[in-house]
Amino acid sequence: MAQATHGSAPDIAGRGVANPYAMIMSGQMLLDWLGRRHKEPKATAAAEAMLTGVRKVIAEKKNLTRDLGGTAGTKDMGDAIVAAIGDRV
């Protein structure tokens, strides 16, 4: 089971302004753990691709949510991370 370490943010629910980083990184950490625990190289590779994709998007500063100084919405930042991951696989 994986979950982000933040609350549900009901004050911004449905507005598309939440930062998806914590949820994405929760999945990344789960895949990394599963890969190491079960010696599954595909899970480990997926975790590494996710980490690299997130780092790339944050470093580029083009698709960041407001809390990170950008103007992107949740979907925009998530889509940018998916695209960055797609570049790796």
PDB file of N, CA and C in Angstrom:
ATOM      1  N   MET A   1       0.843  -1.166   0.000  1.00  0.00           N
ATOM      2  CA  MET A   1       0.000   0.000   0.000  1.00  0.00           C
ATOM      3  C   MET A   1       0.893   1.235   0.000  1.00  0.00           C
ATOM      4  N   ALA A   2       0.529   2.200  -0.808  1.00  0.00           N
ATOM      5  CA  ALA A   2       1.285   3.454  -0.866  1.00  0.00           C
ATOM      6  C   ALA A   2       0.307   4.607  -0.757  1.00  0.00           C
ATOM      7  N   GLN A   3       0.723   5.627  -0.074  1.00  0.00           N
ATOM      8  CA  GLN A   3      -0.095   6.833  -0.007  1.00  0.00           C
ATOM      9  C   GLN A   3       0.812   8.027   0.187  1.00  0.00           C
ATOM     10  N   ALA A   4       0.341   9.162  -0.263  1.00  0.00           N
ATOM     11  CA  ALA A   4       1.108  10.390  -0.084  1.00  0.00           C
ATOM     12  C   ALA A   4       1.107  10.770   1.388  1.00  0.00           C
ATOM     13  N   THR A   5       2.079  11.549   1.768  1.00  0.00           N
ATOM     14  CA  THR A   5       2.214  11.915   3.172  1.00  0.00           C
ATOM     15  C   THR A   5       1.494  13.213   3.509  1.00  0.00           C
ATOM     16  N   HIS A   6       0.613  13.638   2.648  1.00  0.00           N
ATOM     17  CA  HIS A   6      -0.121  14.875   2.909  1.00  0.00           C
ATOM     18  C   HIS A   6      -1.593  14.558   3.100  1.00  0.00           C
ATOM     19  N   GLY A   7      -2.350  15.536   3.456  1.00  0.00           N
ATOM     20  CA  GLY A   7      -3.783  15.363   3.631  1.00  0.00           C
ATOM     21  C   GLY A   7      -4.514  15.399   2.306  1.00  0.00           C
ATOM     22  N   SER A   8      -5.821  15.413   2.372  1.00  0.00           N
ATOM     23  CA  SER A   8      -6.638  15.375   1.159  1.00  0.00           C
ATOM     24  C   SER A   8      -6.913  16.753   0.571  1.00  0.00           C
ATOM     25  N   ALA A   9      -6.541  17.810   1.272  1.00  0.00           N
ATOM     26  CA  ALA A   9      -6.685  19.201   0.795  1.00  0.00           C
ATOM     27  C   ALA A   9      -8.085  19.508   0.286  1.00  0.00           C
ATOM     28  N   PRO A  10      -9.109  19.336   1.120  1.00  0.00           N
ATOM     29  CA  PRO A  10     -10.476  19.595   0.652  1.00  0.00           C
ATOM     30  C   PRO A  10     -10.703  21.031   0.198  1.00  0.00           C
ATOM     31  N   ASP A  11      -9.878  21.953   0.654  1.00  0.00           N
ATOM     32  CA  ASP A  11     -10.043  23.357   0.260  1.00  0.00           C
ATOM     33  C   ASP A  11      -9.720  23.609  -1.209  1.00  0.00           C
ATOM     34  N   ILE A  12      -8.955  22.706  -1.834  1.00  0.00           N
ATOM     35  CA  ILE A  12      -8.635  22.887  -3.254  1.00  0.00           C
ATOM     36  C   ILE A  12      -9.162  21.739  -4.115  1.00  0.00           C
ATOM     37  N   ALA A  13      -9.957  20.867  -3.533  1.00  0.00           N
ATOM     38  CA  ALA A  13     -10.502  19.718  -4.259  1.00  0.00           C
ATOM     39  C   ALA A  13     -11.258  20.174  -5.505  1.00  0.00           C
ATOM     40  N   GLY A  14     -10.995  19.507  -6.618  1.00  0.00           N
ATOM     41  CA  GLY A  14     -11.698  19.781  -7.857  1.00  0.00           C
ATOM     42  C   GLY A  14     -11.233  21.004  -8.620  1.00  0.00           C
ATOM     43  N   ARG A  15     -10.251  21.699  -8.102  1.00  0.00           N
ATOM     44  CA  ARG A  15      -9.775  22.916  -8.771  1.00  0.00           C
ATOM     45  C   ARG A  15      -8.601  22.669  -9.703  1.00  0.00           C
ATOM     46  N   GLY A  16      -7.993  21.494  -9.624  1.00  0.00           N
ATOM     47  CA  GLY A  16      -6.881  21.165 -10.512  1.00  0.00           C
ATOM     48  C   GLY A  16      -5.602  21.927 -10.214  1.00  0.00           C
ATOM     49  N   VAL A  17      -5.406  22.288  -8.954  1.00  0.00           N
ATOM     50  CA  VAL A  17      -4.211  23.063  -8.601  1.00  0.00           C
ATOM     51  C   VAL A  17      -3.271  22.313  -7.653  1.00  0.00           C
ATOM     52  N   ALA A  18      -3.633  21.104  -7.268  1.00  0.00           N
ATOM     53  CA  ALA A  18      -2.797  20.338  -6.343  1.00  0.00           C
ATOM     54  C   ALA A  18      -1.513  19.876  -7.028  1.00  0.00           C
ATOM     55  N   ASN A  19      -0.465  19.809  -6.269  1.00  0.00           N
ATOM     56  CA  ASN A  19       0.813  19.314  -6.751  1.00  0.00           C
ATOM     57  C   ASN A  19       0.767  17.778  -6.709  1.00  0.00           C
ATOM     58  N   PRO A  20       0.954  17.092  -7.859  1.00  0.00           N
ATOM     59  CA  PRO A  20       0.864  15.634  -7.887  1.00  0.00           C
ATOM     60  C   PRO A  20       2.132  14.928  -7.421  1.00  0.00           C
ATOM     61  N   TYR A  21       3.159  15.677  -7.052  1.00  0.00           N
ATOM     62  CA  TYR A  21       4.462  15.118  -6.701  1.00  0.00           C
ATOM     63  C   TYR A  21       4.380  14.016  -5.644  1.00  0.00           C
ATOM     64  N   ALA A  22       3.704  14.267  -4.540  1.00  0.00           N
ATOM     65  CA  ALA A  22       3.684  13.301  -3.434  1.00  0.00           C
ATOM     66  C   ALA A  22       3.052  11.976  -3.843  1.00  0.00           C
ATOM     67  N   MET A  23       1.971  12.028  -4.599  1.00  0.00           N
ATOM     68  CA  MET A  23       1.338  10.778  -5.031  1.00  0.00           C
ATOM     69  C   MET A  23       2.223  10.027  -6.012  1.00  0.00           C
ATOM     70  N   ILE A  24       2.831  10.749  -6.934  1.00  0.00           N
ATOM     71  CA  ILE A  24       3.705  10.102  -7.911  1.00  0.00           C
ATOM     72  C   ILE A  24       4.903   9.479  -7.204  1.00  0.00           C
ATOM     73  N   MET A  25       5.493  10.217  -6.271  1.00  0.00           N
ATOM     74  CA  MET A  25       6.659   9.695  -5.568  1.00  0.00           C
ATOM     75  C   MET A  25       6.289   8.557  -4.619  1.00  0.00           C
ATOM     76  N   SER A  26       5.076   8.514  -4.109  1.00  0.00           N
ATOM     77  CA  SER A  26       4.652   7.368  -3.303  1.00  0.00           C
ATOM     78  C   SER A  26       4.655   6.104  -4.155  1.00  0.00           C
ATOM     79  N   GLY A  27       4.133   6.217  -5.366  1.00  0.00           N
ATOM     80  CA  GLY A  27       4.168   5.084  -6.295  1.00  0.00           C
ATOM     81  C   GLY A  27       5.583   4.708  -6.675  1.00  0.00           C
ATOM     82  N   GLN A  28       6.415   5.716  -6.865  1.00  0.00           N
ATOM     83  CA  GLN A  28       7.817   5.474  -7.209  1.00  0.00           C
ATOM     84  C   GLN A  28       8.528   4.706  -6.095  1.00  0.00           C
ATOM     85  N   MET A  29       8.314   5.130  -4.866  1.00  0.00           N
ATOM     86  CA  MET A  29       8.963   4.453  -3.739  1.00  0.00           C
ATOM     87  C   MET A  29       8.449   3.025  -3.574  1.00  0.00           C
ATOM     88  N   LEU A  30       7.160   2.810  -3.838  1.00  0.00           N
ATOM     89  CA  LEU A  30       6.606   1.467  -3.763  1.00  0.00           C
ATOM     90  C   LEU A  30       7.241   0.564  -4.817  1.00  0.00           C
ATOM     91  N   LEU A  31       7.344   1.050  -6.048  1.00  0.00           N
ATOM     92  CA  LEU A  31       7.980   0.248  -7.097  1.00  0.00           C
ATOM     93  C   LEU A  31       9.444  -0.038  -6.779  1.00  0.00           C
ATOM     94  N   ASP A  32      10.137   0.950  -6.250  1.00  0.00           N
ATOM     95  CA  ASP A  32      11.539   0.758  -5.882  1.00  0.00           C
ATOM     96  C   ASP A  32      11.663  -0.332  -4.812  1.00  0.00           C
ATOM     97  N   TRP A  33      10.826  -0.248  -3.793  1.00  0.00           N
ATOM     98  CA  TRP A  33      10.853  -1.241  -2.717  1.00  0.00           C
ATOM     99  C   TRP A  33      10.511  -2.633  -3.252  1.00  0.00           C
ATOM    100  N   LEU A  34       9.450  -2.721  -4.055  1.00  0.00           N
ATOM    101  CA  LEU A  34       9.066  -4.017  -4.618  1.00  0.00           C
ATOM    102  C   LEU A  34      10.180  -4.601  -5.483  1.00  0.00           C
ATOM    103  N   GLY A  35      10.821  -3.734  -6.272  1.00  0.00           N
ATOM    104  CA  GLY A  35      11.916  -4.201  -7.114  1.00  0.00           C
ATOM    105  C   GLY A  35      13.069  -4.762  -6.304  1.00  0.00           C
ATOM    106  N   ARG A  36      13.420  -4.064  -5.237  1.00  0.00           N
ATOM    107  CA  ARG A  36      14.517  -4.554  -4.388  1.00  0.00           C
ATOM    108  C   ARG A  36      14.102  -5.783  -3.598  1.00  0.00           C
ATOM    109  N   ARG A  37      12.918  -5.751  -3.058  1.00  0.00           N
ATOM    110  CA  ARG A  37      12.422  -6.846  -2.206  1.00  0.00           C
ATOM    111  C   ARG A  37      12.304  -8.155  -2.974  1.00  0.00           C
ATOM    112  N   HIS A  38      11.805  -8.062  -4.207  1.00  0.00           N
ATOM    113  CA  HIS A  38      11.543  -9.264  -4.999  1.00  0.00           C
ATOM    114  C   HIS A  38      12.544  -9.455  -6.139  1.00  0.00           C
ATOM    115  N   LYS A  39      13.604  -8.661  -6.099  1.00  0.00           N
ATOM    116  CA  LYS A  39      14.638  -8.746  -7.144  1.00  0.00           C
ATOM    117  C   LYS A  39      14.004  -8.717  -8.539  1.00  0.00           C
ATOM    118  N   GLU A  40      13.171  -7.694  -8.717  1.00  0.00           N
ATOM    119  CA  GLU A  40      12.444  -7.514  -9.974  1.00  0.00           C
ATOM    120  C   GLU A  40      12.995  -6.301 -10.706  1.00  0.00           C
ATOM    121  N   PRO A  41      13.855  -6.517 -11.699  1.00  0.00           N
ATOM    122  CA  PRO A  41      14.505  -5.388 -12.371  1.00  0.00           C
ATOM    123  C   PRO A  41      13.545  -4.454 -13.104  1.00  0.00           C
ATOM    124  N   LYS A  42      12.425  -4.950 -13.578  1.00  0.00           N
ATOM    125  CA  LYS A  42      11.470  -4.072 -14.273  1.00  0.00           C
ATOM    126  C   LYS A  42      10.861  -3.063 -13.316  1.00  0.00           C
ATOM    127  N   ALA A  43      10.558  -3.487 -12.098  1.00  0.00           N
ATOM    128  CA  ALA A  43      10.006  -2.564 -11.107  1.00  0.00           C
ATOM    129  C   ALA A  43      11.047  -1.529 -10.711  1.00  0.00           C
ATOM    130  N   THR A  44      12.274  -1.966 -10.533  1.00  0.00           N
ATOM    131  CA  THR A  44      13.362  -1.049 -10.184  1.00  0.00           C
ATOM    132  C   THR A  44      13.605  -0.046 -11.307  1.00  0.00           C
ATOM    133  N   ALA A  45      13.582  -0.514 -12.542  1.00  0.00           N
ATOM    134  CA  ALA A  45      13.773   0.377 -13.689  1.00  0.00           C
ATOM    135  C   ALA A  45      12.631   1.381 -13.803  1.00  0.00           C
ATOM    136  N   ALA A  46      11.407   0.935 -13.550  1.00  0.00           N
ATOM    137  CA  ALA A  46      10.259   1.843 -13.597  1.00  0.00           C
ATOM    138  C   ALA A  46      10.380   2.914 -12.515  1.00  0.00           C
ATOM    139  N   ALA A  47      10.812   2.508 -11.328  1.00  0.00           N
ATOM    140  CA  ALA A  47      10.998   3.467 -10.234  1.00  0.00           C
ATOM    141  C   ALA A  47      12.066   4.495 -10.593  1.00  0.00           C
ATOM    142  N   GLU A  48      13.141   4.048 -11.197  1.00  0.00           N
ATOM    143  CA  GLU A  48      14.213   4.959 -11.587  1.00  0.00           C
ATOM    144  C   GLU A  48      13.725   5.925 -12.674  1.00  0.00           C
ATOM    145  N   ALA A  49      12.948   5.417 -13.622  1.00  0.00           N
ATOM    146  CA  ALA A  49      12.402   6.279 -14.682  1.00  0.00           C
ATOM    147  C   ALA A  49      11.478   7.335 -14.091  1.00  0.00           C
ATOM    148  N   MET A  50      10.662   6.950 -13.129  1.00  0.00           N
ATOM    149  CA  MET A  50       9.754   7.903 -12.481  1.00  0.00           C
ATOM    150  C   MET A  50      10.544   8.988 -11.761  1.00  0.00           C
ATOM    151  N   LEU A  51      11.555   8.587 -11.024  1.00  0.00           N
ATOM    152  CA  LEU A  51      12.373   9.550 -10.286  1.00  0.00           C
ATOM    153  C   LEU A  51      13.063  10.515 -11.243  1.00  0.00           C
ATOM    154  N   THR A  52      13.607   9.984 -12.305  1.00  0.00           N
ATOM    155  CA  THR A  52      14.282  10.825 -13.294  1.00  0.00           C
ATOM    156  C   THR A  52      13.291  11.779 -13.962  1.00  0.00           C
ATOM    157  N   GLY A  53      12.097  11.285 -14.285  1.00  0.00           N
ATOM    158  CA  GLY A  53      11.075  12.131 -14.905  1.00  0.00           C
ATOM    159  C   GLY A  53      10.647  13.273 -14.004  1.00  0.00           C
ATOM    160  N   VAL A  54      10.432  12.983 -12.741  1.00  0.00           N
ATOM    161  CA  VAL A  54      10.045  14.026 -11.785  1.00  0.00           C
ATOM    162  C   VAL A  54      11.161  15.051 -11.653  1.00  0.00           C
ATOM    163  N   ARG A  55      12.377  14.578 -11.510  1.00  0.00           N
ATOM    164  CA  ARG A  55      13.517  15.508 -11.381  1.00  0.00           C
ATOM    165  C   ARG A  55      13.653  16.399 -12.604  1.00  0.00           C
ATOM    166  N   LYS A  56      13.436  15.829 -13.796  1.00  0.00           N
ATOM    167  CA  LYS A  56      13.548  16.602 -15.034  1.00  0.00           C
ATOM    168  C   LYS A  56      12.504  17.714 -15.082  1.00  0.00           C
ATOM    169  N   VAL A  57      11.268  17.384 -14.755  1.00  0.00           N
ATOM    170  CA  VAL A  57      10.194  18.380 -14.799  1.00  0.00           C
ATOM    171  C   VAL A  57      10.456  19.497 -13.798  1.00  0.00           C
ATOM    172  N   ILE A  58      10.879  19.144 -12.613  1.00  0.00           N
ATOM    173  CA  ILE A  58      11.160  20.164 -11.600  1.00  0.00           C
ATOM    174  C   ILE A  58      12.342  21.036 -12.028  1.00  0.00           C
ATOM    175  N   ALA A  59      13.379  20.428 -12.589  1.00  0.00           N
ATOM    176  CA  ALA A  59      14.557  21.193 -13.017  1.00  0.00           C
ATOM    177  C   ALA A  59      14.231  22.138 -14.175  1.00  0.00           C
ATOM    178  N   GLU A  60      13.365  21.707 -15.089  1.00  0.00           N
ATOM    179  CA  GLU A  60      13.012  22.544 -16.240  1.00  0.00           C
ATOM    180  C   GLU A  60      12.157  23.745 -15.848  1.00  0.00           C
ATOM    181  N   LYS A  61      11.414  23.634 -14.773  1.00  0.00           N
ATOM    182  CA  LYS A  61      10.580  24.715 -14.229  1.00  0.00           C
ATOM    183  C   LYS A  61       9.512  25.226 -15.196  1.00  0.00           C
ATOM    184  N   LYS A  62       9.097  24.410 -16.160  1.00  0.00           N
ATOM    185  CA  LYS A  62       8.083  24.833 -17.133  1.00  0.00           C
ATOM    186  C   LYS A  62       6.672  24.425 -16.714  1.00  0.00           C
ATOM    187  N   ASN A  63       6.545  23.297 -16.056  1.00  0.00           N
ATOM    188  CA  ASN A  63       5.227  22.743 -15.726  1.00  0.00           C
ATOM    189  C   ASN A  63       5.101  22.498 -14.231  1.00  0.00           C
ATOM    190  N   LEU A  64       5.325  23.538 -13.471  1.00  0.00           N
ATOM    191  CA  LEU A  64       5.237  23.427 -12.020  1.00  0.00           C
ATOM    192  C   LEU A  64       3.934  24.017 -11.519  1.00  0.00           C
ATOM    193  N   THR A  65       3.405  23.423 -10.471  1.00  0.00           N
ATOM    194  CA  THR A  65       2.195  23.943  -9.840  1.00  0.00           C
ATOM    195  C   THR A  65       2.539  25.199  -9.048  1.00  0.00           C
ATOM    196  N   ARG A  66       1.503  25.904  -8.635  1.00  0.00           N
ATOM    197  CA  ARG A  66       1.688  27.197  -7.956  1.00  0.00           C
ATOM    198  C   ARG A  66       2.555  27.114  -6.709  1.00  0.00           C
ATOM    199  N   ASP A  67       2.411  26.038  -5.957  1.00  0.00           N
ATOM    200  CA  ASP A  67       3.191  25.922  -4.726  1.00  0.00           C
ATOM    201  C   ASP A  67       4.687  25.824  -4.993  1.00  0.00           C
ATOM    202  N   LEU A  68       5.055  25.510  -6.244  1.00  0.00           N
ATOM    203  CA  LEU A  68       6.467  25.450  -6.638  1.00  0.00           C
ATOM    204  C   LEU A  68       6.882  26.652  -7.480  1.00  0.00           C
ATOM    205  N   GLY A  69       6.013  27.663  -7.520  1.00  0.00           N
ATOM    206  CA  GLY A  69       6.335  28.888  -8.238  1.00  0.00           C
ATOM    207  C   GLY A  69       5.897  28.914  -9.688  1.00  0.00           C
ATOM    208  N   GLY A  70       5.144  27.916 -10.126  1.00  0.00           N
ATOM    209  CA  GLY A  70       4.696  27.870 -11.507  1.00  0.00           C
ATOM    210  C   GLY A  70       3.237  28.244 -11.657  1.00  0.00           C
ATOM    211  N   THR A  71       2.706  27.969 -12.841  1.00  0.00           N
ATOM    212  CA  THR A  71       1.309  28.267 -13.126  1.00  0.00           C
ATOM    213  C   THR A  71       0.553  27.037 -13.619  1.00  0.00           C
ATOM    214  N   ALA A  72       1.218  25.901 -13.691  1.00  0.00           N
ATOM    215  CA  ALA A  72       0.596  24.679 -14.213  1.00  0.00           C
ATOM    216  C   ALA A  72      -0.425  24.124 -13.235  1.00  0.00           C
ATOM    217  N   GLY A  73      -1.391  23.425 -13.785  1.00  0.00           N
ATOM    218  CA  GLY A  73      -2.362  22.724 -12.962  1.00  0.00           C
ATOM    219  C   GLY A  73      -1.862  21.315 -12.672  1.00  0.00           C
ATOM    220  N   THR A  74      -2.641  20.599 -11.903  1.00  0.00           N
ATOM    221  CA  THR A  74      -2.300  19.226 -11.526  1.00  0.00           C
ATOM    222  C   THR A  74      -2.068  18.359 -12.759  1.00  0.00           C
ATOM    223  N   LYS A  75      -3.005  18.397 -13.694  1.00  0.00           N
ATOM    224  CA  LYS A  75      -2.910  17.574 -14.900  1.00  0.00           C
ATOM    225  C   LYS A  75      -1.710  17.970 -15.745  1.00  0.00           C
ATOM    226  N   ASP A  76      -1.461  19.266 -15.859  1.00  0.00           N
ATOM    227  CA  ASP A  76      -0.323  19.730 -16.655  1.00  0.00           C
ATOM    228  C   ASP A  76       0.999  19.181 -16.105  1.00  0.00           C
ATOM    229  N   MET A  77       1.172  19.284 -14.790  1.00  0.00           N
ATOM    230  CA  MET A  77       2.409  18.791 -14.197  1.00  0.00           C
ATOM    231  C   MET A  77       2.482  17.275 -14.313  1.00  0.00           C
ATOM    232  N   GLY A  78       1.375  16.604 -14.063  1.00  0.00           N
ATOM    233  CA  GLY A  78       1.360  15.147 -14.199  1.00  0.00           C
ATOM    234  C   GLY A  78       1.665  14.705 -15.619  1.00  0.00           C
ATOM    235  N   ASP A  79       1.071  15.373 -16.595  1.00  0.00           N
ATOM    236  CA  ASP A  79       1.326  15.042 -18.004  1.00  0.00           C
ATOM    237  C   ASP A  79       2.790  15.282 -18.377  1.00  0.00           C
ATOM    238  N   ALA A  80       3.389  16.346 -17.846  1.00  0.00           N
ATOM    239  CA  ALA A  80       4.800  16.626 -18.121  1.00  0.00           C
ATOM    240  C   ALA A  80       5.680  15.529 -17.544  1.00  0.00           C
ATOM    241  N   ILE A  81       5.330  15.040 -16.371  1.00  0.00           N
ATOM    242  CA  ILE A  81       6.114  13.962 -15.756  1.00  0.00           C
ATOM    243  C   ILE A  81       5.965  12.682 -16.568  1.00  0.00           C
ATOM    244  N   VAL A  82       4.747  12.379 -17.007  1.00  0.00           N
ATOM    245  CA  VAL A  82       4.528  11.203 -17.850  1.00  0.00           C
ATOM    246  C   VAL A  82       5.356  11.311 -19.133  1.00  0.00           C
ATOM    247  N   ALA A  83       5.359  12.481 -19.759  1.00  0.00           N
ATOM    248  CA  ALA A  83       6.143  12.675 -20.979  1.00  0.00           C
ATOM    249  C   ALA A  83       7.633  12.483 -20.709  1.00  0.00           C
ATOM    250  N   ALA A  84       8.102  12.994 -19.586  1.00  0.00           N
ATOM    251  CA  ALA A  84       9.525  12.842 -19.235  1.00  0.00           C
ATOM    252  C   ALA A  84       9.865  11.370 -18.967  1.00  0.00           C
ATOM    253  N   ILE A  85       8.940  10.647 -18.374  1.00  0.00           N
ATOM    254  CA  ILE A  85       9.152   9.210 -18.158  1.00  0.00           C
ATOM    255  C   ILE A  85       9.169   8.490 -19.492  1.00  0.00           C
ATOM    256  N   GLY A  86       8.256   8.880 -20.388  1.00  0.00           N
ATOM    257  CA  GLY A  86       8.189   8.270 -21.703  1.00  0.00           C
ATOM    258  C   GLY A  86       9.480   8.425 -22.486  1.00  0.00           C
ATOM    259  N   ASP A  87      10.203   9.489 -22.222  1.00  0.00           N
ATOM    260  CA  ASP A  87      11.494   9.697 -22.874  1.00  0.00           C
ATOM    261  C   ASP A  87      12.512   8.656 -22.438  1.00  0.00           C
ATOM    262  N   ARG A  88      12.296   8.034 -21.277  1.00  0.00           N
ATOM    263  CA  ARG A  88      13.264   7.086 -20.712  1.00  0.00           C
ATOM    264  C   ARG A  88      12.958   5.642 -21.036  1.00  0.00           C
ATOM    265  N   VAL A  89      11.719   5.331 -21.355  1.00  0.00           N
ATOM    266  CA  VAL A  89      11.359   3.909 -21.557  1.00  0.00           C
ATOM    267  C   VAL A  89      11.103   3.577 -22.999  1.00  0.00           C
TER     268      VAL A  89
END
